[in-house]
């Protein structure tokens, strides 16, 4: 599987983001929350991803952007955990950072792995 997180894998459609928040399901493992929605087939990509950090918790844009970069990098390295072999399901994801202190890369990575396990459990049930 390709290890990049290119432009075609980013979620930018405002209508789809609105549907995601109104109709999507979620799983959470502090300090991350994953909101997901099954979508129709999109060419070249199975999962579209967006990342959000609350302005209320982090006033400075520099801090919010750093957290988003960390989350994107952790997802990029572990995106194989969210895709299932043999299925053609497409999903839209948004990762919300719910913590109130600057995360550490290794802790964020462990959290994302546990979050992917919860996501797969919720899909199977």
N, C-alpha and C. Protein backbone atom coordinates (compact mmCIF):
# COMPACT_ATOMS: atom_id res chain seq x y z
N UNK A 1 0.83 -1.18 0.00
CA UNK A 1 0.00 0.00 0.00
C UNK A 1 0.88 1.25 0.00
N UNK A 2 0.43 2.25 -0.71
CA UNK A 2 1.15 3.51 -0.81
C UNK A 2 1.19 4.20 0.54
N UNK A 3 2.36 4.70 0.94
CA UNK A 3 2.54 5.33 2.24
C UNK A 3 2.28 6.84 2.22
N UNK A 4 1.89 7.39 1.09
CA UNK A 4 1.70 8.84 1.02
C UNK A 4 0.29 9.22 1.45
N UNK A 5 0.11 10.49 1.71
CA UNK A 5 -1.21 11.05 2.01
C UNK A 5 -1.40 12.23 1.06
N UNK A 6 -1.76 11.91 -0.16
CA UNK A 6 -1.80 12.90 -1.22
C UNK A 6 -3.06 13.73 -1.23
N UNK A 7 -3.11 14.61 -2.21
CA UNK A 7 -4.22 15.55 -2.34
C UNK A 7 -5.56 14.84 -2.55
N UNK A 8 -5.54 13.73 -3.28
CA UNK A 8 -6.79 13.01 -3.56
C UNK A 8 -7.32 12.28 -2.34
N UNK A 9 -6.51 12.14 -1.30
CA UNK A 9 -6.95 11.46 -0.07
C UNK A 9 -7.41 12.43 1.01
N UNK A 10 -7.36 13.72 0.73
CA UNK A 10 -7.79 14.73 1.70
C UNK A 10 -9.28 15.00 1.53
N UNK A 11 -9.97 15.16 2.61
CA UNK A 11 -11.39 15.47 2.61
C UNK A 11 -11.56 16.98 2.61
N UNK A 12 -12.10 17.54 1.52
CA UNK A 12 -12.25 18.98 1.41
C UNK A 12 -13.66 19.41 1.02
N UNK A 13 -14.52 18.48 0.70
CA UNK A 13 -15.87 18.76 0.25
C UNK A 13 -16.75 19.20 1.43
N UNK A 14 -17.22 20.45 1.42
CA UNK A 14 -17.99 20.99 2.54
C UNK A 14 -19.31 20.24 2.74
N UNK A 15 -19.93 19.80 1.66
CA UNK A 15 -21.19 19.06 1.76
C UNK A 15 -20.96 17.73 2.46
N UNK A 16 -19.89 17.03 2.08
CA UNK A 16 -19.56 15.74 2.70
C UNK A 16 -19.16 15.92 4.17
N UNK A 17 -18.46 17.00 4.48
CA UNK A 17 -18.09 17.26 5.88
C UNK A 17 -19.35 17.53 6.71
N UNK A 18 -20.31 18.24 6.15
CA UNK A 18 -21.58 18.49 6.84
C UNK A 18 -22.34 17.20 7.10
N UNK A 19 -22.39 16.32 6.08
CA UNK A 19 -23.03 15.01 6.25
C UNK A 19 -22.32 14.18 7.31
N UNK A 20 -21.01 14.29 7.32
CA UNK A 20 -20.20 13.54 8.28
C UNK A 20 -20.60 13.88 9.71
N UNK A 21 -20.78 15.17 10.01
CA UNK A 21 -21.15 15.57 11.35
C UNK A 21 -22.61 15.30 11.67
N UNK A 22 -23.49 15.34 10.67
CA UNK A 22 -24.91 15.12 10.94
C UNK A 22 -25.31 13.64 10.92
N UNK A 23 -24.70 12.84 10.05
CA UNK A 23 -25.11 11.44 9.90
C UNK A 23 -24.04 10.44 10.30
N UNK A 24 -22.83 10.89 10.56
CA UNK A 24 -21.71 9.99 10.81
C UNK A 24 -21.74 9.34 12.18
N UNK A 25 -21.01 8.27 12.30
CA UNK A 25 -20.82 7.57 13.57
C UNK A 25 -19.44 7.94 14.10
N UNK A 26 -19.21 7.68 15.38
CA UNK A 26 -17.91 8.05 15.91
C UNK A 26 -17.40 7.02 16.91
N UNK A 27 -16.09 6.97 17.03
CA UNK A 27 -15.40 6.20 18.06
C UNK A 27 -14.36 7.14 18.65
N UNK A 28 -14.06 6.95 19.93
CA UNK A 28 -13.06 7.84 20.52
C UNK A 28 -12.16 7.08 21.47
N UNK A 29 -10.95 7.55 21.52
CA UNK A 29 -9.93 7.09 22.45
C UNK A 29 -9.14 8.34 22.79
N UNK A 30 -9.26 8.81 24.02
CA UNK A 30 -8.67 10.09 24.39
C UNK A 30 -7.20 10.14 24.00
N UNK A 31 -6.77 11.18 23.36
CA UNK A 31 -7.35 12.48 23.03
C UNK A 31 -7.85 12.60 21.60
N UNK A 32 -8.16 11.48 20.94
CA UNK A 32 -8.65 11.54 19.55
C UNK A 32 -10.08 11.04 19.47
N UNK A 33 -10.83 11.62 18.55
CA UNK A 33 -12.17 11.15 18.24
C UNK A 33 -12.24 11.02 16.73
N UNK A 34 -12.73 9.88 16.26
CA UNK A 34 -12.86 9.62 14.83
C UNK A 34 -14.34 9.63 14.47
N UNK A 35 -14.72 10.52 13.56
CA UNK A 35 -16.08 10.55 13.03
C UNK A 35 -15.98 10.01 11.61
N UNK A 36 -16.80 9.01 11.29
CA UNK A 36 -16.70 8.38 9.97
C UNK A 36 -18.07 8.18 9.36
N UNK A 37 -18.08 8.09 8.04
CA UNK A 37 -19.31 7.88 7.29
C UNK A 37 -18.97 7.08 6.05
N UNK A 38 -19.76 6.07 5.80
CA UNK A 38 -19.58 5.28 4.57
C UNK A 38 -20.11 6.10 3.40
N UNK A 39 -19.31 6.20 2.34
CA UNK A 39 -19.67 7.02 1.18
C UNK A 39 -19.73 6.16 -0.07
N UNK A 40 -20.21 6.76 -1.15
CA UNK A 40 -20.20 6.05 -2.43
C UNK A 40 -18.77 5.98 -2.95
N UNK A 41 -18.55 5.12 -3.90
CA UNK A 41 -17.20 4.87 -4.41
C UNK A 41 -16.59 6.12 -5.02
N UNK A 42 -15.39 6.44 -4.58
CA UNK A 42 -14.63 7.56 -5.12
C UNK A 42 -13.43 6.97 -5.85
N UNK A 43 -13.17 7.37 -7.10
CA UNK A 43 -12.04 6.78 -7.82
C UNK A 43 -10.70 7.04 -7.14
N UNK A 44 -9.82 6.06 -7.19
CA UNK A 44 -8.43 6.13 -6.73
C UNK A 44 -8.23 6.14 -5.22
N UNK A 45 -9.27 6.24 -4.43
CA UNK A 45 -9.07 6.28 -2.99
C UNK A 45 -10.24 5.65 -2.26
N UNK A 46 -9.95 4.95 -1.18
CA UNK A 46 -10.99 4.31 -0.39
C UNK A 46 -11.36 5.15 0.83
N UNK A 47 -10.43 5.96 1.32
CA UNK A 47 -10.67 6.74 2.52
C UNK A 47 -10.23 8.19 2.28
N UNK A 48 -11.12 9.12 2.59
CA UNK A 48 -10.80 10.55 2.56
C UNK A 48 -10.69 11.02 4.00
N UNK A 49 -9.67 11.83 4.30
CA UNK A 49 -9.35 12.18 5.68
C UNK A 49 -9.27 13.70 5.87
N UNK A 50 -9.78 14.16 7.01
CA UNK A 50 -9.61 15.54 7.44
C UNK A 50 -9.23 15.52 8.92
N UNK A 51 -8.59 16.59 9.38
CA UNK A 51 -8.14 16.69 10.76
C UNK A 51 -8.59 18.04 11.30
N UNK A 52 -9.06 18.05 12.55
CA UNK A 52 -9.50 19.30 13.16
C UNK A 52 -9.03 19.39 14.60
N UNK A 53 -8.65 20.61 15.00
CA UNK A 53 -8.23 20.89 16.37
C UNK A 53 -9.01 22.11 16.83
N UNK A 54 -9.54 22.05 18.05
CA UNK A 54 -10.38 23.11 18.58
C UNK A 54 -9.61 24.39 18.84
N UNK A 55 -10.19 25.49 18.39
CA UNK A 55 -9.59 26.80 18.65
C UNK A 55 -9.77 27.20 20.11
N UNK A 56 -10.77 26.61 20.74
CA UNK A 56 -11.01 26.90 22.15
C UNK A 56 -9.87 26.38 23.02
N UNK A 57 -9.35 25.21 22.68
CA UNK A 57 -8.28 24.61 23.48
C UNK A 57 -6.90 25.17 23.14
N UNK A 58 -6.70 25.50 21.87
CA UNK A 58 -5.40 26.00 21.41
C UNK A 58 -5.61 27.32 20.67
N UNK A 59 -5.32 28.40 21.34
CA UNK A 59 -5.58 29.73 20.78
C UNK A 59 -4.66 30.07 19.62
N UNK A 60 -3.41 29.61 19.69
CA UNK A 60 -2.43 29.96 18.65
C UNK A 60 -2.53 29.01 17.46
N UNK A 61 -2.59 29.58 16.27
CA UNK A 61 -2.68 28.78 15.05
C UNK A 61 -1.44 27.90 14.89
N UNK A 62 -0.30 28.35 15.37
CA UNK A 62 0.93 27.57 15.28
C UNK A 62 0.76 26.24 16.00
N UNK A 63 0.16 26.27 17.17
CA UNK A 63 -0.06 25.04 17.94
C UNK A 63 -1.07 24.12 17.26
N UNK A 64 -2.17 24.70 16.77
CA UNK A 64 -3.19 23.89 16.08
C UNK A 64 -2.60 23.23 14.84
N UNK A 65 -1.82 23.97 14.06
CA UNK A 65 -1.22 23.41 12.85
C UNK A 65 -0.22 22.32 13.17
N UNK A 66 0.54 22.47 14.24
CA UNK A 66 1.49 21.43 14.64
C UNK A 66 0.77 20.14 15.01
N UNK A 67 -0.31 20.25 15.76
CA UNK A 67 -1.07 19.06 16.15
C UNK A 67 -1.67 18.39 14.91
N UNK A 68 -2.18 19.18 13.98
CA UNK A 68 -2.75 18.60 12.75
C UNK A 68 -1.67 17.89 11.94
N UNK A 69 -0.47 18.47 11.86
CA UNK A 69 0.62 17.81 11.15
C UNK A 69 0.98 16.49 11.82
N UNK A 70 1.03 16.48 13.15
CA UNK A 70 1.35 15.24 13.87
C UNK A 70 0.30 14.17 13.60
N UNK A 71 -0.97 14.54 13.68
CA UNK A 71 -2.05 13.56 13.45
C UNK A 71 -2.00 13.03 12.02
N UNK A 72 -1.79 13.92 11.04
CA UNK A 72 -1.70 13.47 9.65
C UNK A 72 -0.53 12.50 9.45
N UNK A 73 0.60 12.79 10.07
CA UNK A 73 1.77 11.92 9.93
C UNK A 73 1.54 10.56 10.58
N UNK A 74 0.93 10.56 11.76
CA UNK A 74 0.62 9.29 12.43
C UNK A 74 -0.36 8.49 11.59
N UNK A 75 -1.38 9.15 11.03
CA UNK A 75 -2.34 8.46 10.17
C UNK A 75 -1.65 7.92 8.92
N UNK A 76 -0.79 8.74 8.31
CA UNK A 76 -0.10 8.32 7.09
C UNK A 76 0.70 7.05 7.32
N UNK A 77 1.38 6.96 8.46
CA UNK A 77 2.19 5.79 8.76
C UNK A 77 1.35 4.56 9.11
N UNK A 78 0.12 4.77 9.58
CA UNK A 78 -0.71 3.66 10.05
C UNK A 78 -2.01 3.51 9.30
N UNK A 79 -2.12 4.08 8.10
CA UNK A 79 -3.40 4.05 7.41
C UNK A 79 -3.81 2.65 6.96
N UNK A 80 -2.87 1.74 6.90
CA UNK A 80 -3.20 0.36 6.54
C UNK A 80 -4.11 -0.27 7.59
N UNK A 81 -4.05 0.21 8.82
CA UNK A 81 -4.89 -0.32 9.89
C UNK A 81 -6.37 -0.02 9.67
N UNK A 82 -6.68 1.04 8.94
CA UNK A 82 -8.07 1.44 8.73
C UNK A 82 -8.68 0.83 7.47
N UNK A 83 -7.87 0.30 6.58
CA UNK A 83 -8.41 -0.31 5.37
C UNK A 83 -8.52 -1.81 5.57
N UNK A 84 -9.59 -2.38 5.06
CA UNK A 84 -9.80 -3.81 5.19
C UNK A 84 -9.54 -4.49 3.86
N UNK A 85 -8.91 -5.63 3.95
CA UNK A 85 -8.59 -6.39 2.74
C UNK A 85 -9.87 -6.99 2.15
N UNK A 86 -9.99 -6.94 0.83
CA UNK A 86 -11.09 -7.59 0.14
C UNK A 86 -12.40 -6.82 0.15
N UNK A 87 -12.44 -5.62 0.70
CA UNK A 87 -13.67 -4.84 0.66
C UNK A 87 -13.47 -3.62 -0.22
N UNK A 88 -14.56 -3.18 -0.80
CA UNK A 88 -14.48 -1.99 -1.66
C UNK A 88 -15.24 -0.83 -1.02
N UNK A 89 -15.38 -0.86 0.31
CA UNK A 89 -16.08 0.20 1.01
C UNK A 89 -15.25 1.48 1.03
N UNK A 90 -15.92 2.61 0.86
CA UNK A 90 -15.27 3.92 0.91
C UNK A 90 -15.78 4.66 2.13
N UNK A 91 -14.88 5.36 2.79
CA UNK A 91 -15.24 6.09 4.00
C UNK A 91 -14.70 7.51 3.95
N UNK A 92 -15.38 8.39 4.67
CA UNK A 92 -14.89 9.73 4.93
C UNK A 92 -14.59 9.79 6.43
N UNK A 93 -13.39 10.22 6.77
CA UNK A 93 -12.96 10.30 8.17
C UNK A 93 -12.67 11.75 8.53
N UNK A 94 -12.93 12.09 9.79
CA UNK A 94 -12.40 13.32 10.34
C UNK A 94 -11.89 13.00 11.74
N UNK A 95 -10.63 13.34 11.96
CA UNK A 95 -10.01 13.13 13.27
C UNK A 95 -10.13 14.45 14.04
N UNK A 96 -10.71 14.38 15.23
CA UNK A 96 -10.84 15.55 16.09
C UNK A 96 -9.93 15.37 17.29
N UNK A 97 -9.10 16.36 17.54
CA UNK A 97 -8.22 16.31 18.70
C UNK A 97 -8.96 16.94 19.87
N UNK A 98 -9.24 16.15 20.92
CA UNK A 98 -10.05 16.62 22.03
C UNK A 98 -9.23 16.95 23.27
N UNK A 99 -7.93 16.74 23.23
CA UNK A 99 -7.09 17.03 24.38
C UNK A 99 -6.87 18.51 24.56
N UNK A 100 -6.23 18.87 25.68
CA UNK A 100 -5.96 20.28 25.92
C UNK A 100 -4.49 20.58 26.17
N UNK A 101 -3.62 19.60 25.87
CA UNK A 101 -2.19 19.85 25.93
C UNK A 101 -1.52 19.30 24.67
N UNK A 102 -0.34 19.79 24.38
CA UNK A 102 0.37 19.41 23.16
C UNK A 102 0.71 17.91 23.21
N UNK A 103 0.32 17.16 22.17
CA UNK A 103 0.57 15.71 22.18
C UNK A 103 2.02 15.35 21.86
N UNK A 104 2.40 14.15 22.26
CA UNK A 104 3.70 13.58 21.94
C UNK A 104 3.46 12.55 20.85
N UNK A 105 4.36 12.50 19.88
CA UNK A 105 4.18 11.66 18.69
C UNK A 105 3.91 10.20 19.06
N UNK A 106 4.71 9.61 19.95
CA UNK A 106 4.56 8.20 20.29
C UNK A 106 3.23 7.90 20.97
N UNK A 107 2.79 8.80 21.84
CA UNK A 107 1.50 8.61 22.51
C UNK A 107 0.36 8.71 21.50
N UNK A 108 0.48 9.64 20.56
CA UNK A 108 -0.52 9.80 19.52
C UNK A 108 -0.59 8.57 18.63
N UNK A 109 0.57 7.98 18.36
CA UNK A 109 0.62 6.78 17.53
C UNK A 109 -0.07 5.61 18.24
N UNK A 110 0.19 5.42 19.53
CA UNK A 110 -0.47 4.36 20.29
C UNK A 110 -1.98 4.57 20.34
N UNK A 111 -2.38 5.80 20.50
CA UNK A 111 -3.81 6.12 20.54
C UNK A 111 -4.47 5.80 19.21
N UNK A 112 -3.82 6.13 18.11
CA UNK A 112 -4.39 5.89 16.79
C UNK A 112 -4.53 4.39 16.52
N UNK A 113 -3.57 3.59 16.97
CA UNK A 113 -3.65 2.14 16.79
C UNK A 113 -4.86 1.59 17.56
N UNK A 114 -5.05 2.05 18.79
CA UNK A 114 -6.20 1.61 19.59
C UNK A 114 -7.50 2.10 18.99
N UNK A 115 -7.49 3.29 18.42
CA UNK A 115 -8.67 3.84 17.78
C UNK A 115 -9.05 3.02 16.54
N UNK A 116 -8.06 2.56 15.80
CA UNK A 116 -8.34 1.73 14.62
C UNK A 116 -8.97 0.40 15.03
N UNK A 117 -8.52 -0.16 16.16
CA UNK A 117 -9.12 -1.41 16.65
C UNK A 117 -10.58 -1.19 17.05
N UNK A 118 -10.87 -0.08 17.71
CA UNK A 118 -12.25 0.24 18.08
C UNK A 118 -13.11 0.45 16.84
N UNK A 119 -12.53 1.10 15.83
CA UNK A 119 -13.26 1.33 14.57
C UNK A 119 -13.63 0.01 13.91
N UNK A 120 -12.68 -0.91 13.84
CA UNK A 120 -12.97 -2.21 13.22
C UNK A 120 -13.99 -3.00 14.03
N UNK A 121 -13.93 -2.93 15.35
CA UNK A 121 -14.91 -3.61 16.19
C UNK A 121 -16.30 -3.06 15.95
N UNK A 122 -16.40 -1.74 15.83
CA UNK A 122 -17.71 -1.13 15.60
C UNK A 122 -18.26 -1.48 14.22
N UNK A 123 -17.39 -1.63 13.25
CA UNK A 123 -17.86 -2.03 11.91
C UNK A 123 -18.35 -3.47 11.91
N UNK A 124 -17.70 -4.33 12.65
CA UNK A 124 -18.07 -5.74 12.68
C UNK A 124 -19.31 -6.02 13.51
N UNK A 125 -19.66 -5.12 14.42
CA UNK A 125 -20.84 -5.37 15.25
C UNK A 125 -22.08 -4.73 14.67
